[in-house]
Protein backbone atom coordinates (compact mmCIF):
# COMPACT_ATOMS: atom_id res chain seq x y z
CA UNK A 1 -27.89 7.62 88.36
CA UNK A 2 -29.38 5.74 91.34
CA UNK A 3 -25.93 4.76 92.59
CA UNK A 4 -24.79 8.35 92.21
CA UNK A 5 -27.66 9.61 94.35
CA UNK A 6 -26.84 7.12 97.07
CA UNK A 7 -23.17 8.00 97.06
CA UNK A 8 -23.43 11.77 96.70
CA UNK A 9 -24.36 12.61 100.35
CA UNK A 10 -21.34 10.69 101.62
CA UNK A 11 -19.00 12.43 99.24
CA UNK A 12 -20.49 15.85 99.95
CA UNK A 13 -20.15 15.26 103.69
CA UNK A 14 -16.48 14.52 103.11
CA UNK A 15 -16.11 17.80 101.28
CA UNK A 16 -17.86 19.81 103.99
CA UNK A 17 -15.71 18.28 106.71
CA UNK A 18 -12.54 19.36 104.94
CA UNK A 19 -13.45 22.82 103.74
CA UNK A 20 -16.22 25.24 104.56
CA UNK A 21 -15.54 27.90 103.84
CA UNK A 22 -3.26 49.21 75.07
CA UNK A 23 -4.60 46.46 73.30
CA UNK A 24 -2.73 46.94 70.04
CA UNK A 25 -3.56 43.95 67.90
CA UNK A 26 -1.70 43.53 64.67
CA UNK A 27 -3.95 43.05 61.66
CA UNK A 28 -4.91 39.41 61.23
CA UNK A 29 -4.19 37.61 58.03
CA UNK A 30 -7.14 37.45 55.64
CA UNK A 31 -9.32 34.35 55.89
CA UNK A 32 -8.38 31.53 53.56
CA UNK A 33 -10.84 30.70 50.80
CA UNK A 34 -11.21 27.26 52.38
CA UNK A 35 -11.67 27.14 56.16
CA UNK A 36 -10.45 23.53 56.13
CA UNK A 37 -6.90 24.89 55.90
CA UNK A 38 -7.25 26.12 59.46
CA UNK A 39 -7.15 23.37 62.08
CA UNK A 40 -9.81 22.89 64.70
CA UNK A 41 -8.65 23.58 68.26
CA UNK A 42 -9.53 21.69 71.45
CA UNK A 43 -8.00 23.10 74.63
CA UNK A 44 -8.68 21.15 77.83
CA UNK A 45 -7.50 22.73 81.08
CA UNK A 46 -7.43 20.57 84.20
CA UNK A 47 -7.64 22.06 87.68
CA UNK A 48 -4.74 21.46 90.08
CA UNK A 49 -3.18 18.66 88.02
CA UNK A 50 0.47 18.56 88.97
CA UNK A 51 3.16 17.98 86.38
CA UNK A 52 3.68 14.31 87.26
CA UNK A 53 0.00 13.30 87.54
CA UNK A 54 0.01 11.28 84.32
CA UNK A 55 0.46 7.55 84.11
CA UNK A 56 3.22 7.50 81.51
CA UNK A 57 5.57 9.27 83.90
CA UNK A 58 4.10 8.21 87.26
CA UNK A 59 2.31 4.93 87.89
CA UNK A 60 0.39 6.46 90.81
CA UNK A 61 -1.84 8.12 88.20
CA UNK A 62 -4.24 6.14 86.03
CA UNK A 63 -4.58 8.20 82.84
CA UNK A 64 -4.64 5.90 79.78
CA UNK A 65 -6.19 8.55 77.52
CA UNK A 66 -3.70 11.25 78.42
CA UNK A 67 -0.94 8.67 77.99
CA UNK A 68 -2.26 7.86 74.52
CA UNK A 69 -2.38 11.53 73.61
CA UNK A 70 1.24 11.99 74.68
CA UNK A 71 2.30 8.91 72.70
CA UNK A 72 0.59 10.20 69.56
CA UNK A 73 1.69 13.78 70.05
CA UNK A 74 4.13 15.97 71.95
CA UNK A 75 4.95 15.95 75.66
CA UNK A 76 6.23 19.32 76.90
CA UNK A 77 8.36 18.16 79.79
CA UNK A 78 9.04 21.59 81.26
CA UNK A 79 5.72 23.43 81.24
CA UNK A 80 4.97 26.06 83.88
CA UNK A 81 2.44 28.62 84.99
CA UNK A 82 3.39 32.20 85.77
CA UNK A 83 0.94 32.39 88.70
CA UNK A 84 -0.06 29.25 90.56
CA UNK A 85 -3.69 30.17 91.19
CA UNK A 86 -6.72 29.35 89.05
CA UNK A 87 -7.91 32.83 88.11
CA UNK A 88 -4.62 34.52 87.23
CA UNK A 89 -3.32 31.41 85.46
CA UNK A 90 -6.45 31.03 83.30
CA UNK A 91 -6.39 34.75 82.52
CA UNK A 92 -2.79 34.32 81.33
CA UNK A 93 -3.86 31.41 79.11
CA UNK A 94 -6.64 33.43 77.50
CA UNK A 95 -4.80 36.76 77.16
CA UNK A 96 -1.18 35.69 76.57
CA UNK A 97 -0.08 38.07 79.32
CA UNK A 98 1.45 37.99 82.78
CA UNK A 99 -0.81 38.84 85.72
CA UNK A 100 0.90 42.21 86.18
CA UNK A 101 -0.38 43.10 82.70
CA UNK A 102 -3.82 41.50 82.56
CA UNK A 103 -4.56 42.56 86.16
CA UNK A 104 -6.55 39.48 87.23
CA UNK A 105 -4.31 38.76 90.20
CA UNK A 106 -6.75 36.61 92.21
CA UNK A 107 -10.04 34.75 91.87
CA UNK A 108 -12.22 37.71 92.88
CA UNK A 109 -14.50 40.12 91.07
CA UNK A 110 -12.70 42.71 88.97
CA UNK A 111 -14.51 44.96 86.46
CA UNK A 112 -11.36 45.21 84.35
CA UNK A 113 -12.15 41.69 83.13
CA UNK A 114 -14.41 43.34 80.54
CA UNK A 115 -11.56 45.49 79.22
CA UNK A 116 -9.34 42.57 78.30
CA UNK A 117 -9.09 40.91 74.92
CA UNK A 118 -9.01 37.12 74.67
CA UNK A 119 -7.52 34.92 71.97
CA UNK A 120 -10.90 33.38 70.95
CA UNK A 121 -11.83 36.86 69.70
CA UNK A 122 -9.00 36.56 67.17
CA UNK A 123 -10.29 33.16 66.09
CA UNK A 124 -13.77 34.60 65.63
CA UNK A 125 -12.43 37.20 63.21
CA UNK A 126 -11.40 34.49 60.76
CA UNK A 127 -14.54 32.41 61.01
CA UNK A 128 -14.04 30.02 63.93
CA UNK A 129 -16.97 28.79 66.00
CA UNK A 130 -16.05 28.90 69.68
CA UNK A 131 -17.43 27.24 72.78
CA UNK A 132 -16.59 27.71 76.46
CA UNK A 133 -17.45 24.95 78.93
CA UNK A 134 -16.65 24.93 82.65
CA UNK A 135 -14.47 26.95 84.94
CA UNK A 136 -13.65 30.61 84.23
CA UNK A 137 -12.91 31.82 87.76
CA UNK A 138 -11.55 35.34 87.37
CA UNK A 139 -13.11 38.77 87.30
CA UNK A 140 -16.46 37.52 88.63
CA UNK A 141 -18.25 37.12 85.28
CA UNK A 142 -19.74 33.68 85.84
CA UNK A 143 -23.32 34.91 86.29
CA UNK A 144 -23.02 37.62 83.63
CA UNK A 145 -21.24 35.47 81.06
CA UNK A 146 -23.16 34.70 77.89
CA UNK A 147 -22.56 34.10 74.17
CA UNK A 148 -20.43 36.90 72.78
CA UNK A 149 -18.30 37.40 75.88
CA UNK A 150 -14.56 36.81 75.37
CA UNK A 151 -15.18 35.68 71.79
CA UNK A 152 -17.26 32.60 72.66
CA UNK A 153 -20.44 31.62 70.78
CA UNK A 154 -21.49 29.10 73.41
CA UNK A 155 -21.15 29.76 77.14
CA UNK A 156 -21.53 27.26 79.98
CA UNK A 157 -19.89 28.11 83.31
CA UNK A 158 -20.11 27.42 87.02
CA UNK A 159 -22.14 29.51 89.46
CA UNK A 160 -21.69 29.60 93.24
CA UNK A 161 -19.07 28.14 95.60
CA UNK A 162 -16.82 31.03 94.58
CA UNK A 163 -17.43 29.84 91.00
CA UNK A 164 -15.42 26.69 91.66
CA UNK A 165 -18.34 24.52 90.63
CA UNK A 166 -19.53 21.40 92.46
CA UNK A 167 -18.71 17.81 91.64
CA UNK A 168 -22.25 16.70 92.45
CA UNK A 169 -25.60 18.46 91.84
CA UNK A 170 -25.76 20.05 95.31
CA UNK A 171 -23.45 22.62 96.84
CA UNK A 172 -21.84 22.42 100.29
CA UNK A 173 -24.97 23.86 101.91
CA UNK A 174 -27.25 21.31 100.28
CA UNK A 175 -28.71 23.67 97.70
CA UNK A 176 -29.04 22.77 94.02
CA UNK A 177 -25.84 23.35 92.08
CA UNK A 178 -26.46 25.74 89.20
CA UNK A 179 -24.78 26.30 85.85
CA UNK A 180 -24.86 29.32 83.58
CA UNK A 181 -26.00 27.98 80.21
CA UNK A 182 -25.85 30.79 77.65
CA UNK A 183 -26.79 33.38 80.27
CA UNK A 184 -29.55 31.36 81.96
CA UNK A 185 -29.32 29.52 85.27
CA UNK A 186 -29.84 25.79 84.82
CA UNK A 187 -29.64 23.04 87.44
CA UNK A 188 -26.67 20.72 87.27
CA UNK A 189 -27.91 17.17 86.66
CA UNK A 190 -25.01 14.83 87.36
CA UNK A 191 -21.29 14.47 87.99
CA UNK A 192 -19.78 17.69 86.69
CA UNK A 193 -16.85 16.26 84.71
CA UNK A 194 -19.19 14.04 82.74
CA UNK A 195 -21.84 16.74 82.37
CA UNK A 196 -19.40 19.29 80.98
CA UNK A 197 -18.15 16.72 78.51
CA UNK A 198 -21.75 15.98 77.48
CA UNK A 199 -22.36 19.67 76.83
CA UNK A 200 -19.11 19.97 74.86
CA UNK A 201 -19.79 16.96 72.63
CA UNK A 202 -23.38 18.07 72.06
CA UNK A 203 -22.05 21.43 70.88
CA UNK A 204 -19.64 19.69 68.52
CA UNK A 205 -22.54 17.68 67.15
CA UNK A 206 -24.64 20.75 66.41
CA UNK A 207 -22.01 23.14 65.14
CA UNK A 208 -21.81 24.50 61.59
CA UNK A 209 -19.79 21.75 59.91
CA UNK A 210 -18.50 24.16 57.25
CA UNK A 211 -16.49 26.20 59.74
CA UNK A 212 -13.47 25.40 61.94
CA UNK A 213 -14.10 25.29 65.68
CA UNK A 214 -12.35 26.05 68.94
CA UNK A 215 -13.49 24.18 72.07
CA UNK A 216 -12.34 25.35 75.52
CA UNK A 217 -13.11 22.73 78.18
CA UNK A 218 -12.27 23.84 81.73
CA UNK A 219 -12.78 21.07 84.25
CA UNK A 220 -13.40 21.43 87.97
CA UNK A 221 -11.45 18.22 88.46
CA UNK A 222 -9.14 17.84 90.22
CA UNK A 223 -9.69 20.76 92.58
CA UNK A 224 -9.89 20.00 96.29
CA UNK A 225 -11.95 18.67 97.91
CA UNK A 226 -11.49 15.70 95.63
CA UNK A 227 -14.75 13.83 95.04
CA UNK A 228 -14.42 11.01 92.50
CA UNK A 229 -17.19 9.85 90.19
CA UNK A 230 -19.15 6.85 91.55
CA UNK A 231 -17.54 4.53 89.01
CA UNK A 232 -14.09 5.45 90.31
CA UNK A 233 -14.84 5.77 94.03
CA UNK A 234 -12.70 3.26 95.94
CA UNK A 235 -10.67 2.14 92.92
CA UNK A 236 -7.44 2.83 94.78
CA UNK A 237 -8.61 1.59 98.19
CA UNK A 238 -5.71 0.60 100.39
CA UNK A 239 -3.04 2.17 98.19
CA UNK A 240 -0.34 4.05 100.07
CA UNK A 241 2.07 6.68 98.82
CA UNK A 242 5.63 7.60 99.67
CA UNK A 243 5.89 11.02 101.26
CA UNK A 244 8.30 13.51 99.69
CA UNK A 245 11.76 13.84 101.23
CA UNK A 246 11.00 17.37 102.40
CA UNK A 247 7.76 16.42 104.19
CA UNK A 248 9.17 15.90 107.69
CA UNK A 249 9.47 18.69 110.25
CA UNK A 250 13.23 18.43 110.67
CA UNK A 251 16.04 20.91 111.04
CA UNK A 252 17.59 19.59 107.84
CA UNK A 253 14.43 20.19 105.80
CA UNK A 254 14.01 23.76 107.01
CA UNK A 255 17.65 24.78 106.90
CA UNK A 256 17.87 27.85 104.68
CA UNK A 257 14.11 27.97 104.09
CA UNK A 258 12.11 31.16 104.69
CA UNK A 259 10.33 31.38 108.04
CA UNK A 260 6.92 31.64 106.38
CA UNK A 261 7.33 28.13 104.94
CA UNK A 262 7.61 26.54 108.37
CA UNK A 263 4.86 28.78 109.77
CA UNK A 264 2.52 27.69 106.96
CA UNK A 265 3.02 24.07 107.94
CA UNK A 266 0.41 24.61 110.67
CA UNK A 267 -2.33 26.23 108.56
CA UNK A 268 -5.05 25.59 105.99
CA UNK A 269 -2.32 24.96 103.43
CA UNK A 270 0.09 22.93 105.57
CA UNK A 271 0.46 19.26 106.44
CA UNK A 272 0.00 19.74 110.20
CA UNK A 273 -3.48 21.32 109.85
CA UNK A 274 -4.58 20.74 106.23
CA UNK A 275 -7.87 22.50 105.51
CA UNK A 276 -8.11 22.76 109.33
CA UNK A 277 -8.48 18.99 109.65
CA UNK A 278 -6.50 15.87 110.45
CA UNK A 279 -6.99 14.31 107.03
CA UNK A 280 -5.19 11.13 106.12
CA UNK A 281 -2.64 12.08 103.46
CA UNK A 282 -2.85 8.68 101.79
CA UNK A 283 -6.64 8.95 101.50
CA UNK A 284 -6.27 12.54 100.32
CA UNK A 285 -4.03 11.38 97.50
CA UNK A 286 -6.26 8.40 96.67
CA UNK A 287 -9.19 10.81 96.31
CA UNK A 288 -7.07 12.99 94.04
CA UNK A 289 -6.09 10.22 91.65
CA UNK A 290 -9.58 8.71 91.64
CA UNK A 291 -11.07 12.11 90.80
CA UNK A 292 -8.52 12.51 88.01
CA UNK A 293 -9.81 9.32 86.38
CA UNK A 294 -13.02 11.00 85.24
CA UNK A 295 -11.04 13.86 83.71
CA UNK A 296 -9.01 11.30 81.80
CA UNK A 297 -12.28 9.71 80.66
CA UNK A 298 -13.32 13.13 79.36
CA UNK A 299 -10.10 13.45 77.37
CA UNK A 300 -10.78 10.01 75.92
CA UNK A 301 -14.36 10.84 74.99
CA UNK A 302 -13.29 13.97 73.14
CA UNK A 303 -10.51 12.09 71.33
CA UNK A 304 -12.94 9.34 70.33
CA UNK A 305 -15.48 11.86 69.03
CA UNK A 306 -12.83 13.49 66.86
CA UNK A 307 -11.76 10.13 65.47
CA UNK A 308 -15.31 8.89 64.87
CA UNK A 309 -16.14 12.05 62.90
CA UNK A 310 -12.88 12.14 60.92
CA UNK A 311 -11.78 15.32 62.68
CA UNK A 312 -8.67 14.01 64.42
CA UNK A 313 -6.29 14.65 61.51
CA UNK A 314 -7.18 18.36 61.35
CA UNK A 315 -7.66 19.10 65.06
CA UNK A 316 -5.07 20.32 67.53
CA UNK A 317 -5.96 18.89 70.95
CA UNK A 318 -4.09 20.19 73.96
CA UNK A 319 -4.35 19.15 77.63
CA UNK A 320 -2.78 21.28 80.36
CA UNK A 321 -2.99 21.92 84.11
CA UNK A 322 -3.91 25.38 85.39
CA UNK A 323 -1.35 25.08 88.19
CA UNK A 324 0.50 22.44 90.16
CA UNK A 325 -0.30 20.98 93.56
CA UNK A 326 1.75 20.20 96.67
CA UNK A 327 1.39 16.90 98.51
CA UNK A 328 3.62 17.71 101.47
CA UNK A 329 6.72 19.06 99.75
CA UNK A 330 8.36 21.43 102.26
CA UNK A 331 5.46 20.65 104.62
CA UNK A 332 2.91 22.35 102.34
CA UNK A 333 -0.22 21.40 100.43
CA UNK A 334 -2.15 23.12 97.64
CA UNK A 335 -0.32 25.75 95.52
CA UNK A 336 0.44 29.53 95.32
CA UNK A 337 4.17 29.35 96.18
CA UNK A 338 7.01 29.31 93.64
CA UNK A 339 8.32 25.81 94.34
CA UNK A 340 8.44 23.38 91.41
CA UNK A 341 5.49 21.22 92.42
CA UNK A 342 3.32 24.33 92.63
CA UNK A 343 4.25 25.98 89.33
CA UNK A 344 5.06 23.05 87.06
CA UNK A 345 2.16 21.54 85.07
CA UNK A 346 1.41 18.79 82.55
CA UNK A 347 1.16 19.82 78.91
CA UNK A 348 0.55 17.41 76.04
CA UNK A 349 -0.70 18.14 72.53
CA UNK A 350 -1.36 16.37 69.25
CA UNK A 351 -2.59 17.30 65.78
CA UNK A 352 -1.31 19.35 62.84
CA UNK A 353 2.14 20.72 63.62
CA UNK A 354 2.73 18.38 66.59
CA UNK A 355 5.05 15.44 65.93
CA UNK A 356 4.15 11.98 67.10
CA UNK A 357 6.14 10.87 70.15
CA UNK A 358 8.23 14.02 70.50
CA UNK A 359 9.42 15.20 73.92
CA UNK A 360 10.22 18.91 74.17
CA UNK A 361 12.71 19.85 76.87
CA UNK A 362 12.46 23.63 76.38
CA UNK A 363 10.67 25.69 79.03
CA UNK A 364 7.16 26.77 77.99
CA UNK A 365 4.48 28.54 80.02
CA UNK A 366 0.79 29.36 80.17
CA UNK A 367 1.43 32.79 78.61
CA UNK A 368 2.56 30.87 75.50
CA UNK A 369 -0.78 29.09 74.95
CA UNK A 370 -2.63 31.95 73.24
CA UNK A 371 0.18 32.76 70.76
CA UNK A 372 0.68 29.06 70.03
CA UNK A 373 -2.99 28.45 69.26
CA UNK A 374 -3.14 31.52 67.05
CA UNK A 375 0.04 30.42 65.30
CA UNK A 376 -1.49 26.98 64.69
CA UNK A 377 -4.55 28.71 63.22
CA UNK A 378 -2.36 30.86 60.92
CA UNK A 379 -3.35 34.08 62.69
CA UNK A 380 -0.90 36.86 63.45
CA UNK A 381 -0.27 37.23 67.17
CA UNK A 382 -1.34 40.50 68.87
CA UNK A 383 1.58 42.70 69.79
CA UNK A 384 0.64 43.02 73.47
CA UNK A 385 1.26 39.34 74.26
CA UNK A 386 4.01 38.54 76.76
CA UNK A 387 4.26 34.92 75.61
CA UNK A 388 5.42 33.47 72.31
CA UNK A 389 4.44 30.49 70.20
CA UNK A 390 6.06 27.15 70.94
CA UNK A 391 4.56 25.57 67.81
CA UNK A 392 7.97 25.31 66.05
CA UNK A 393 9.30 23.29 69.00
CA UNK A 394 6.51 20.75 68.50
CA UNK A 395 8.04 19.68 65.19
CA UNK A 396 11.70 20.12 66.10
CA UNK A 397 12.14 23.47 64.39
CA UNK A 398 13.88 26.55 65.67
CA UNK A 399 11.54 29.49 66.29
CA UNK A 400 12.09 32.38 63.86
CA UNK A 401 12.44 34.66 66.86
CA UNK A 402 14.49 33.13 69.70
CA UNK A 403 12.38 32.33 72.75
CA UNK A 404 13.25 33.80 76.13
CA UNK A 405 15.36 31.49 78.25
CA UNK A 406 13.56 32.57 81.43
CA UNK A 407 10.13 33.47 82.73
CA UNK A 408 8.94 35.30 85.81
CA UNK A 409 6.56 34.02 88.45
CA UNK A 410 4.28 36.25 90.51
CA UNK A 411 1.75 35.63 93.23
CA UNK A 412 0.02 38.41 95.14
CA UNK A 413 -0.88 37.92 98.82
CA UNK A 414 -4.54 37.12 99.51
CA UNK A 415 -6.56 38.24 102.52
CA UNK A 416 -8.37 34.90 102.61
CA UNK A 417 -5.21 32.78 102.68
CA UNK A 418 -2.63 34.98 104.42
CA UNK A 419 0.17 32.44 104.91
CA UNK A 420 1.73 32.66 101.40
CA UNK A 421 3.37 36.06 100.91
CA UNK A 422 3.54 38.13 97.75
CA UNK A 423 6.09 36.17 95.75
CA UNK A 424 8.27 37.12 92.80
CA UNK A 425 10.55 34.60 91.15
CA UNK A 426 12.49 34.08 87.97
CA UNK A 427 13.40 30.69 86.55
CA UNK A 428 15.74 29.76 83.73
CA UNK A 429 17.07 26.40 82.61
CA UNK A 430 19.39 26.10 85.61
CA UNK A 431 18.52 28.55 88.35
CA UNK A 432 15.48 29.78 90.22
CA UNK A 433 15.61 32.96 92.29
CA UNK A 434 12.71 33.82 94.66
CA UNK A 435 12.05 37.00 96.63
CA UNK A 436 9.18 38.05 98.87
CA UNK A 437 7.50 41.40 99.26
CA UNK A 438 6.18 42.90 102.49
CA UNK A 439 7.68 40.57 105.08
CA UNK A 440 10.94 40.07 106.91
CA UNK A 441 12.34 36.87 105.46
CA UNK A 442 15.11 35.35 103.39
CA UNK A 443 15.36 35.14 99.61
CA UNK A 444 15.97 31.83 97.86
CA UNK A 445 18.29 30.66 95.09
CA UNK A 446 18.38 27.11 93.77
CA UNK A 447 20.51 25.30 91.23
CA UNK A 448 17.72 23.18 89.73
CA UNK A 449 20.07 20.93 87.81
CA UNK A 450 21.94 19.90 90.95
CA UNK A 451 19.00 20.29 93.35
CA UNK A 452 15.67 19.64 91.56
CA UNK A 453 13.74 19.34 94.83
CA UNK A 454 14.95 22.71 96.10
CA UNK A 455 16.51 21.48 99.33
CA UNK A 456 19.59 23.69 99.40
CA UNK A 457 19.12 27.45 99.41
CA UNK A 458 22.23 29.06 97.91
CA UNK A 459 21.25 32.68 98.55
CA UNK A 460 24.03 33.26 101.10
CA UNK A 461 26.74 31.41 99.19
CA UNK A 462 30.08 33.18 98.88
CA UNK A 463 30.84 31.46 95.57
CA UNK A 464 31.55 34.32 93.11
CA UNK A 465 29.55 32.61 90.35
CA UNK A 466 26.47 32.30 92.59
CA UNK A 467 26.77 35.87 93.85
CA UNK A 468 26.88 37.16 90.28
CA UNK A 469 23.96 34.88 89.35
CA UNK A 470 21.91 36.21 92.25
CA UNK A 471 22.62 39.83 91.38
CA UNK A 472 21.84 39.28 87.68
CA UNK A 473 18.58 37.44 88.39
CA UNK A 474 17.40 40.14 90.79
CA UNK A 475 17.89 42.72 88.07
CA UNK A 476 16.27 40.61 85.34
CA UNK A 477 13.29 39.86 87.58
CA UNK A 478 12.67 43.53 88.31
CA UNK A 479 12.87 44.44 84.64
CA UNK A 480 10.54 41.65 83.54
CA UNK A 481 7.97 42.58 86.19
CA UNK A 482 7.46 46.00 84.61
CA UNK A 483 3.99 46.29 83.13
CA UNK A 484 3.24 47.54 79.63
CA UNK A 485 3.43 51.11 80.95
CA UNK A 486 6.96 50.48 82.24
CA UNK A 487 5.99 50.48 85.92
CA UNK A 488 6.33 47.98 88.75
CA UNK A 489 2.99 47.85 90.56
CA UNK A 490 1.73 45.81 93.53
CA UNK A 491 -2.05 45.34 93.11
CA UNK A 492 -4.46 44.50 95.92
CA UNK A 493 -8.15 43.88 96.41
CA UNK A 494 -10.90 44.70 98.94
CA UNK A 495 -10.69 42.92 102.27
CA UNK A 496 -13.94 41.27 103.33
CA UNK A 497 -12.93 38.96 106.20
CA UNK A 498 -10.04 37.97 108.44
CA UNK A 499 -9.44 34.96 106.19
CA UNK A 500 -8.57 31.35 107.00
CA UNK A 501 -6.25 32.18 109.90
CA UNK A 502 -6.65 29.21 112.24
CA UNK A 503 -3.78 27.07 113.50
CA UNK A 504 -3.87 23.77 115.37
CA UNK A 505 -3.80 24.81 119.02
CA UNK A 506 -1.57 22.03 120.36
CA UNK A 507 1.44 23.20 118.35
CA UNK A 508 0.42 26.48 116.76
CA UNK A 509 1.56 29.13 119.26
CA UNK A 510 5.25 29.24 118.37
CA UNK A 511 6.35 30.76 115.09
CA UNK A 512 9.42 29.65 113.14
CA UNK A 513 12.88 30.77 114.21
CA UNK A 514 14.86 33.38 112.32
CA UNK A 515 17.86 32.08 110.35
CA UNK A 516 21.05 31.48 112.33
CA UNK A 517 23.07 33.55 109.85
CA UNK A 518 21.05 36.62 110.85
CA UNK A 519 21.98 36.38 114.55
CA UNK A 520 24.42 39.03 115.86
CA UNK A 521 25.63 40.64 119.11
CA UNK A 522 25.37 44.38 119.78
CA UNK A 523 27.07 46.65 117.21
CA UNK A 524 28.36 43.97 114.83
CA UNK A 525 31.04 45.04 112.40
CA UNK A 526 28.77 44.27 109.43
CA UNK A 527 25.66 46.02 110.73
CA UNK A 528 25.44 48.34 107.70
CA UNK A 529 26.33 45.75 105.08
CA UNK A 530 22.66 45.02 104.37
CA UNK A 531 22.30 48.53 102.96
CA UNK A 532 24.99 47.98 100.35
CA UNK A 533 24.54 46.07 97.05
CA UNK A 534 25.68 42.44 97.05
CA UNK A 535 28.99 41.69 95.33
CA UNK A 536 31.76 39.11 95.32
CA UNK A 537 33.91 39.32 98.50
CA UNK A 538 31.46 41.81 99.97
CA UNK A 539 32.59 41.39 103.61
CA UNK A 540 36.25 41.85 102.64
CA UNK A 541 35.56 44.86 100.45
CA UNK A 542 33.34 46.53 103.05
CA UNK A 543 35.58 45.78 106.03
CA UNK A 544 37.32 49.18 105.73
CA UNK A 545 33.85 50.78 105.86
CA UNK A 546 33.16 49.31 109.29
CA UNK A 547 36.46 50.59 110.67
CA UNK A 548 35.97 53.97 109.02
CA UNK A 549 32.47 54.39 110.48
CA UNK A 550 33.75 53.53 113.94
CA UNK A 551 36.69 55.91 113.70
CA UNK A 552 34.51 58.70 112.31
CA UNK A 553 32.00 58.30 115.11
CA UNK A 554 34.78 58.47 117.70
CA UNK A 555 36.38 61.46 115.96
CA UNK A 556 33.10 63.41 115.98
CA UNK A 557 32.63 62.60 119.63
CA UNK A 558 36.14 63.68 120.70
CA UNK A 559 36.81 66.57 118.29
CA UNK A 560 33.41 68.19 118.17
CA UNK A 561 31.06 67.10 120.90
CA UNK A 562 33.54 66.88 123.78
CA UNK A 563 35.76 69.80 122.63
CA UNK A 564 32.76 72.09 122.20
CA UNK A 565 31.36 70.99 125.53
CA UNK A 566 34.74 71.78 127.14
CA UNK A 567 34.85 75.19 125.48
CA UNK A 568 31.35 75.97 126.68
CA UNK A 569 32.29 74.93 130.22
CA UNK A 570 35.42 77.13 130.24
CA UNK A 571 33.42 80.13 129.10
């Protein structure tokens, strides 16, 4: 503890320098006579852990306990979130619904949070004990949360710092960091990843051993600013990292990209002015991976507890990221956008129903977590869920009901971080289509099999197959974005500030150029084509329209306007 106290001010100073700133449930199956038939559930959600931040697929990460879990269980290679932002993503995990249905579209206060129903409530109905530990971060319930809310018997959550929590026992202003422990404010004592794990294991120790349990452990790690535990601080000193191919500010990298992407490069969430600083990207990444080490320790401690108490054979343990994270891809950092590094997450699981060493290639998403956990617990899934169970995939079986081959992505523009626009996307096994709402910019279409890093935007391709793909995905996206009332709605929240709008003054005055393919002279022949639906050979098919419009305009001028003017003059 002494070493921690000596190190904490330095780490906190680093942080401050970088950032100031319709429920129609189907009846559940009756409880079994023996609760042992239902597995225990441990769900660990990691903040901002990108899909490749695990040692067994990327040696930059040091995660021996996650690696062990993947080896002894199932690795879901293509796991995604449907909104790459903490609050909406976690709400989707807990409700099984898209953000356009659960309504928690950002991290802010929203009274509708009390109207939602959460999957732990279903577990409670059949006798599960439930405990919540860590980050909630939607709806603004952190101070009001207490046992009984959302189906949890035990409640420990963050307070302050926009409910992000603090790595060390003081917040950015030097005040004591507080936790909500069963409705009472209690001072944080130590490094938060370790302290949350302590609380969780203590709860496991004191639970009713005759009942199954569900543990939800939501870590702050590895949210920026990354502050590693003292035992991990400096472990990666001197290590450097290769920048992504799309990092550089080159014409090639921005060819076909929306203008907002290049504009965001010089912002809080861009590599030219990250968090309004000149941070060293190598150090930034070292901090990230060092901070992740304590989360991996937590996973290991929980696994060891289960093994030591003979619970491992009847416990499903699942580790997942709440969203991805960008380290310079397309000149961006953080998340929110629909690019792969932002929406793709790690997901590993072991226990009853999960084969040892299996790799699942199928696409799964955060909206599938609630139905999967209920399925594992032999509980019928509520009918309002948008997701579906992937439990059959974990043992190589075909689901009784075929899973959707695509999912939609949605992010709603935030006043505080105004550089990422409202984004709607749809992704299937081969293609991703992205559109933006409320700004003048290009759409995007990527063939992910041929172009996994999304370098080549195919939206303007004249290939008949790609045109038909684009048209079909637009339609499917719109249909899937309908809420449970059959409407497409754009939600928004109260504005309280101008937001994080600063740009680096040396290079921040000039905005990105418009695409070359949009440049025209006066009265181009295709000037009305944008009003007509896209189709194969559109320019050829609409060419007669251009000539017809021109001839009609001339005809009206000569046969009506001029003739009538002449008649009026003669009279």
